[in-house]
Amino acid sequence: MLVRLVRMTFDPSDLDAFMEIFDASASRIRAFPGCRHLLLWQDARYPNILTTYSHWDDSEALDVYRKSDLFRTTWAKTKPLFVAPPLAHSQFVLRPARAVE
């Protein structure tokens, strides 16, 4: 499994615009083949910094999504709202959480 974090910094006046974009696309991203989980986080100290947290089957599934029309159209609407370059990180899960007994 691949975990993807994308940290995005917005002008506070653009948060509502981004939330509309996210809300309109989140269910389609979650339904995209290979996507297993998607959350949107807000920084506790800086509310204009948001992070998407997603789980993907593997890097190939993420790459297919990043080449899709869904990603391109969503990103085209989101990118002009950034006030700083987004920071993206991908990590492989080496040891999944164990169930509590």
N, C-alpha and C. Protein backbone atom coordinates (compact mmCIF):
# COMPACT_ATOMS: atom_id res chain seq x y z
N MET A 1 0.85 -1.18 0.00
CA MET A 1 0.00 0.00 0.00
C MET A 1 0.89 1.24 0.00
N LEU A 2 0.41 2.28 -0.68
CA LEU A 2 1.09 3.56 -0.76
C LEU A 2 0.25 4.60 -0.05
N VAL A 3 0.89 5.38 0.81
CA VAL A 3 0.22 6.49 1.49
C VAL A 3 0.72 7.77 0.85
N ARG A 4 -0.20 8.64 0.49
CA ARG A 4 0.14 9.90 -0.19
C ARG A 4 -0.38 11.06 0.65
N LEU A 5 0.53 12.01 0.93
CA LEU A 5 0.16 13.25 1.62
C LEU A 5 0.49 14.42 0.70
N VAL A 6 -0.46 15.33 0.54
CA VAL A 6 -0.23 16.53 -0.25
C VAL A 6 -0.64 17.73 0.60
N ARG A 7 0.37 18.52 0.99
CA ARG A 7 0.15 19.69 1.84
C ARG A 7 -0.01 20.92 0.94
N MET A 8 -1.13 21.63 1.13
CA MET A 8 -1.47 22.76 0.27
C MET A 8 -1.73 24.00 1.13
N THR A 9 -1.16 25.12 0.71
CA THR A 9 -1.33 26.38 1.43
C THR A 9 -2.17 27.32 0.57
N PHE A 10 -3.25 27.81 1.15
CA PHE A 10 -4.19 28.67 0.45
C PHE A 10 -4.27 30.03 1.12
N ASP A 11 -4.69 31.01 0.36
CA ASP A 11 -5.09 32.27 0.96
C ASP A 11 -6.36 31.96 1.75
N PRO A 12 -6.49 32.44 2.99
CA PRO A 12 -7.70 32.13 3.76
C PRO A 12 -9.00 32.45 3.02
N SER A 13 -8.98 33.47 2.18
CA SER A 13 -10.20 33.84 1.45
C SER A 13 -10.56 32.81 0.37
N ASP A 14 -9.65 31.89 0.05
CA ASP A 14 -9.90 30.88 -0.98
C ASP A 14 -10.26 29.51 -0.42
N LEU A 15 -10.34 29.39 0.91
CA LEU A 15 -10.64 28.08 1.50
C LEU A 15 -12.02 27.57 1.08
N ASP A 16 -13.01 28.42 1.07
CA ASP A 16 -14.35 27.98 0.66
C ASP A 16 -14.35 27.49 -0.79
N ALA A 17 -13.62 28.19 -1.65
CA ALA A 17 -13.54 27.76 -3.06
C ALA A 17 -12.90 26.38 -3.16
N PHE A 18 -11.83 26.16 -2.39
CA PHE A 18 -11.21 24.84 -2.44
C PHE A 18 -12.14 23.78 -1.87
N MET A 19 -12.83 24.09 -0.78
CA MET A 19 -13.73 23.10 -0.19
C MET A 19 -14.81 22.69 -1.18
N GLU A 20 -15.29 23.61 -1.98
CA GLU A 20 -16.28 23.27 -3.01
C GLU A 20 -15.67 22.31 -4.04
N ILE A 21 -14.43 22.57 -4.44
CA ILE A 21 -13.75 21.69 -5.39
C ILE A 21 -13.57 20.30 -4.78
N PHE A 22 -13.09 20.26 -3.54
CA PHE A 22 -12.86 18.97 -2.88
C PHE A 22 -14.17 18.21 -2.72
N ASP A 23 -15.19 18.88 -2.23
CA ASP A 23 -16.47 18.20 -2.01
C ASP A 23 -17.06 17.66 -3.30
N ALA A 24 -16.83 18.37 -4.40
CA ALA A 24 -17.37 17.92 -5.69
C ALA A 24 -16.60 16.73 -6.27
N SER A 25 -15.36 16.56 -5.88
CA SER A 25 -14.55 15.50 -6.48
C SER A 25 -14.20 14.35 -5.54
N ALA A 26 -14.34 14.53 -4.23
CA ALA A 26 -13.87 13.52 -3.27
C ALA A 26 -14.50 12.15 -3.49
N SER A 27 -15.79 12.09 -3.72
CA SER A 27 -16.43 10.77 -3.88
C SER A 27 -15.93 10.07 -5.15
N ARG A 28 -15.64 10.85 -6.19
CA ARG A 28 -15.12 10.25 -7.43
C ARG A 28 -13.66 9.80 -7.25
N ILE A 29 -12.89 10.55 -6.46
CA ILE A 29 -11.52 10.12 -6.17
C ILE A 29 -11.54 8.84 -5.35
N ARG A 30 -12.40 8.81 -4.33
CA ARG A 30 -12.51 7.61 -3.47
C ARG A 30 -12.93 6.38 -4.28
N ALA A 31 -13.71 6.59 -5.33
CA ALA A 31 -14.19 5.49 -6.16
C ALA A 31 -13.21 5.13 -7.28
N PHE A 32 -12.15 5.91 -7.42
CA PHE A 32 -11.19 5.65 -8.49
C PHE A 32 -10.48 4.32 -8.23
N PRO A 33 -10.28 3.49 -9.26
CA PRO A 33 -9.60 2.21 -9.05
C PRO A 33 -8.24 2.39 -8.37
N GLY A 34 -8.05 1.66 -7.28
CA GLY A 34 -6.79 1.71 -6.57
C GLY A 34 -6.78 2.64 -5.37
N CYS A 35 -7.75 3.55 -5.27
CA CYS A 35 -7.84 4.42 -4.11
C CYS A 35 -8.62 3.70 -3.01
N ARG A 36 -8.03 3.61 -1.85
CA ARG A 36 -8.64 2.89 -0.73
C ARG A 36 -9.12 3.80 0.39
N HIS A 37 -8.65 5.06 0.39
CA HIS A 37 -8.95 5.94 1.52
C HIS A 37 -8.59 7.37 1.12
N LEU A 38 -9.40 8.33 1.51
CA LEU A 38 -9.09 9.74 1.26
C LEU A 38 -9.67 10.58 2.38
N LEU A 39 -8.81 11.38 3.00
CA LEU A 39 -9.22 12.33 4.02
C LEU A 39 -8.66 13.70 3.69
N LEU A 40 -9.30 14.74 4.23
CA LEU A 40 -8.79 16.10 4.13
C LEU A 40 -8.54 16.58 5.54
N TRP A 41 -7.30 16.99 5.81
CA TRP A 41 -6.92 17.48 7.13
C TRP A 41 -6.72 18.99 7.08
N GLN A 42 -6.93 19.64 8.23
CA GLN A 42 -6.64 21.07 8.37
C GLN A 42 -5.60 21.23 9.48
N ASP A 43 -4.57 22.02 9.21
CA ASP A 43 -3.53 22.25 10.19
C ASP A 43 -4.14 22.89 11.44
N ALA A 44 -3.72 22.41 12.61
CA ALA A 44 -4.28 22.90 13.88
C ALA A 44 -3.87 24.34 14.17
N ARG A 45 -2.73 24.74 13.68
CA ARG A 45 -2.23 26.09 13.97
C ARG A 45 -2.51 27.08 12.84
N TYR A 46 -2.43 26.59 11.60
CA TYR A 46 -2.61 27.45 10.42
C TYR A 46 -3.78 26.91 9.60
N PRO A 47 -4.97 27.40 9.82
CA PRO A 47 -6.16 26.83 9.17
C PRO A 47 -6.19 26.97 7.65
N ASN A 48 -5.30 27.77 7.08
CA ASN A 48 -5.26 27.89 5.62
C ASN A 48 -4.33 26.84 4.99
N ILE A 49 -3.77 25.94 5.82
CA ILE A 49 -2.95 24.84 5.31
C ILE A 49 -3.75 23.55 5.45
N LEU A 50 -4.01 22.93 4.31
CA LEU A 50 -4.79 21.69 4.27
C LEU A 50 -3.92 20.58 3.69
N THR A 51 -4.20 19.35 4.08
CA THR A 51 -3.45 18.21 3.60
C THR A 51 -4.43 17.11 3.19
N THR A 52 -4.23 16.58 2.00
CA THR A 52 -4.97 15.38 1.63
C THR A 52 -4.14 14.18 2.06
N TYR A 53 -4.81 13.19 2.59
CA TYR A 53 -4.20 11.96 3.07
C TYR A 53 -4.93 10.83 2.37
N SER A 54 -4.22 10.08 1.53
CA SER A 54 -4.88 9.03 0.77
C SER A 54 -4.06 7.75 0.78
N HIS A 55 -4.77 6.64 0.61
CA HIS A 55 -4.16 5.32 0.51
C HIS A 55 -4.43 4.79 -0.90
N TRP A 56 -3.39 4.24 -1.51
CA TRP A 56 -3.49 3.68 -2.86
C TRP A 56 -2.95 2.27 -2.84
N ASP A 57 -3.46 1.43 -3.72
CA ASP A 57 -2.97 0.05 -3.80
C ASP A 57 -1.46 0.02 -4.00
N ASP A 58 -0.97 0.89 -4.90
CA ASP A 58 0.45 0.93 -5.20
C ASP A 58 0.74 2.21 -5.99
N SER A 59 2.00 2.43 -6.32
CA SER A 59 2.37 3.65 -7.03
C SER A 59 1.79 3.67 -8.45
N GLU A 60 1.58 2.50 -9.04
CA GLU A 60 0.99 2.45 -10.38
C GLU A 60 -0.45 2.97 -10.36
N ALA A 61 -1.22 2.60 -9.33
CA ALA A 61 -2.60 3.08 -9.22
C ALA A 61 -2.62 4.60 -9.06
N LEU A 62 -1.71 5.12 -8.25
CA LEU A 62 -1.63 6.58 -8.09
C LEU A 62 -1.25 7.24 -9.41
N ASP A 63 -0.32 6.67 -10.14
CA ASP A 63 0.09 7.23 -11.43
C ASP A 63 -1.07 7.25 -12.43
N VAL A 64 -1.86 6.19 -12.45
CA VAL A 64 -3.02 6.16 -13.36
C VAL A 64 -3.98 7.28 -12.98
N TYR A 65 -4.22 7.46 -11.69
CA TYR A 65 -5.09 8.56 -11.25
C TYR A 65 -4.51 9.91 -11.66
N ARG A 66 -3.21 10.11 -11.46
CA ARG A 66 -2.59 11.40 -11.76
C ARG A 66 -2.59 11.71 -13.26
N LYS A 67 -2.79 10.70 -14.11
CA LYS A 67 -2.88 10.90 -15.56
C LYS A 67 -4.34 10.99 -16.03
N SER A 68 -5.28 10.88 -15.11
CA SER A 68 -6.70 10.84 -15.47
C SER A 68 -7.29 12.23 -15.69
N ASP A 69 -8.41 12.25 -16.41
CA ASP A 69 -9.14 13.51 -16.58
C ASP A 69 -9.64 14.04 -15.24
N LEU A 70 -10.03 13.15 -14.34
CA LEU A 70 -10.49 13.58 -13.02
C LEU A 70 -9.41 14.38 -12.31
N PHE A 71 -8.19 13.86 -12.28
CA PHE A 71 -7.10 14.59 -11.63
C PHE A 71 -6.82 15.90 -12.36
N ARG A 72 -6.70 15.83 -13.67
CA ARG A 72 -6.35 17.04 -14.44
C ARG A 72 -7.35 18.16 -14.23
N THR A 73 -8.63 17.85 -14.27
CA THR A 73 -9.63 18.90 -14.12
C THR A 73 -9.69 19.43 -12.68
N THR A 74 -9.55 18.52 -11.71
CA THR A 74 -9.55 18.94 -10.31
C THR A 74 -8.33 19.79 -10.01
N TRP A 75 -7.17 19.35 -10.47
CA TRP A 75 -5.92 20.07 -10.21
C TRP A 75 -5.93 21.43 -10.91
N ALA A 76 -6.50 21.50 -12.12
CA ALA A 76 -6.55 22.78 -12.85
C ALA A 76 -7.36 23.83 -12.09
N LYS A 77 -8.38 23.39 -11.38
CA LYS A 77 -9.19 24.32 -10.57
C LYS A 77 -8.50 24.67 -9.27
N THR A 78 -7.74 23.73 -8.72
CA THR A 78 -7.11 23.92 -7.41
C THR A 78 -5.82 24.73 -7.49
N LYS A 79 -5.01 24.45 -8.48
CA LYS A 79 -3.68 25.04 -8.58
C LYS A 79 -3.66 26.58 -8.49
N PRO A 80 -4.58 27.29 -9.13
CA PRO A 80 -4.54 28.76 -9.03
C PRO A 80 -4.81 29.30 -7.62
N LEU A 81 -5.33 28.46 -6.74
CA LEU A 81 -5.65 28.90 -5.37
C LEU A 81 -4.46 28.83 -4.43
N PHE A 82 -3.37 28.17 -4.83
CA PHE A 82 -2.20 28.02 -3.96
C PHE A 82 -1.48 29.35 -3.78
N VAL A 83 -1.02 29.60 -2.54
CA VAL A 83 -0.15 30.76 -2.29
C VAL A 83 1.29 30.31 -2.05
N ALA A 84 1.52 29.01 -2.03
CA ALA A 84 2.86 28.42 -1.92
C ALA A 84 2.81 27.09 -2.68
N PRO A 85 3.95 26.63 -3.17
CA PRO A 85 3.93 25.35 -3.87
C PRO A 85 3.46 24.22 -2.95
N PRO A 86 2.64 23.31 -3.48
CA PRO A 86 2.21 22.18 -2.66
C PRO A 86 3.39 21.24 -2.41
N LEU A 87 3.33 20.53 -1.30
CA LEU A 87 4.36 19.56 -0.94
C LEU A 87 3.72 18.18 -0.93
N ALA A 88 4.22 17.30 -1.77
CA ALA A 88 3.66 15.95 -1.87
C ALA A 88 4.69 14.92 -1.42
N HIS A 89 4.22 13.94 -0.67
CA HIS A 89 5.07 12.87 -0.18
C HIS A 89 4.33 11.55 -0.35
N SER A 90 5.05 10.54 -0.79
CA SER A 90 4.49 9.19 -0.91
C SER A 90 5.35 8.24 -0.10
N GLN A 91 4.70 7.38 0.68
CA GLN A 91 5.41 6.39 1.47
C GLN A 91 4.73 5.03 1.30
N PHE A 92 5.55 4.00 1.30
CA PHE A 92 5.02 2.65 1.30
C PHE A 92 4.82 2.20 2.75
N VAL A 93 3.74 1.49 3.00
CA VAL A 93 3.49 0.93 4.32
C VAL A 93 4.27 -0.37 4.42
N LEU A 94 5.22 -0.41 5.35
CA LEU A 94 6.03 -1.61 5.53
C LEU A 94 5.46 -2.54 6.58
N ARG A 95 4.88 -1.96 7.63
CA ARG A 95 4.30 -2.74 8.70
C ARG A 95 2.92 -2.18 9.00
N PRO A 96 1.87 -2.81 8.50
CA PRO A 96 0.52 -2.30 8.79
C PRO A 96 0.20 -2.43 10.27
N ALA A 97 -0.76 -1.61 10.71
CA ALA A 97 -1.18 -1.67 12.11
C ALA A 97 -1.78 -3.02 12.42
N ARG A 98 -1.50 -3.48 13.61
CA ARG A 98 -2.08 -4.75 14.04
C ARG A 98 -3.37 -4.48 14.76
N ALA A 99 -4.31 -5.37 14.61
CA ALA A 99 -5.58 -5.25 15.31
C ALA A 99 -5.36 -5.41 16.81
N VAL A 100 -6.09 -4.65 17.59
CA VAL A 100 -6.01 -4.76 19.04
C VAL A 100 -6.78 -5.98 19.47
N GLU A 101 -6.16 -6.79 20.31
CA GLU A 101 -6.83 -8.03 20.73
C GLU A 101 -7.52 -7.83 22.05
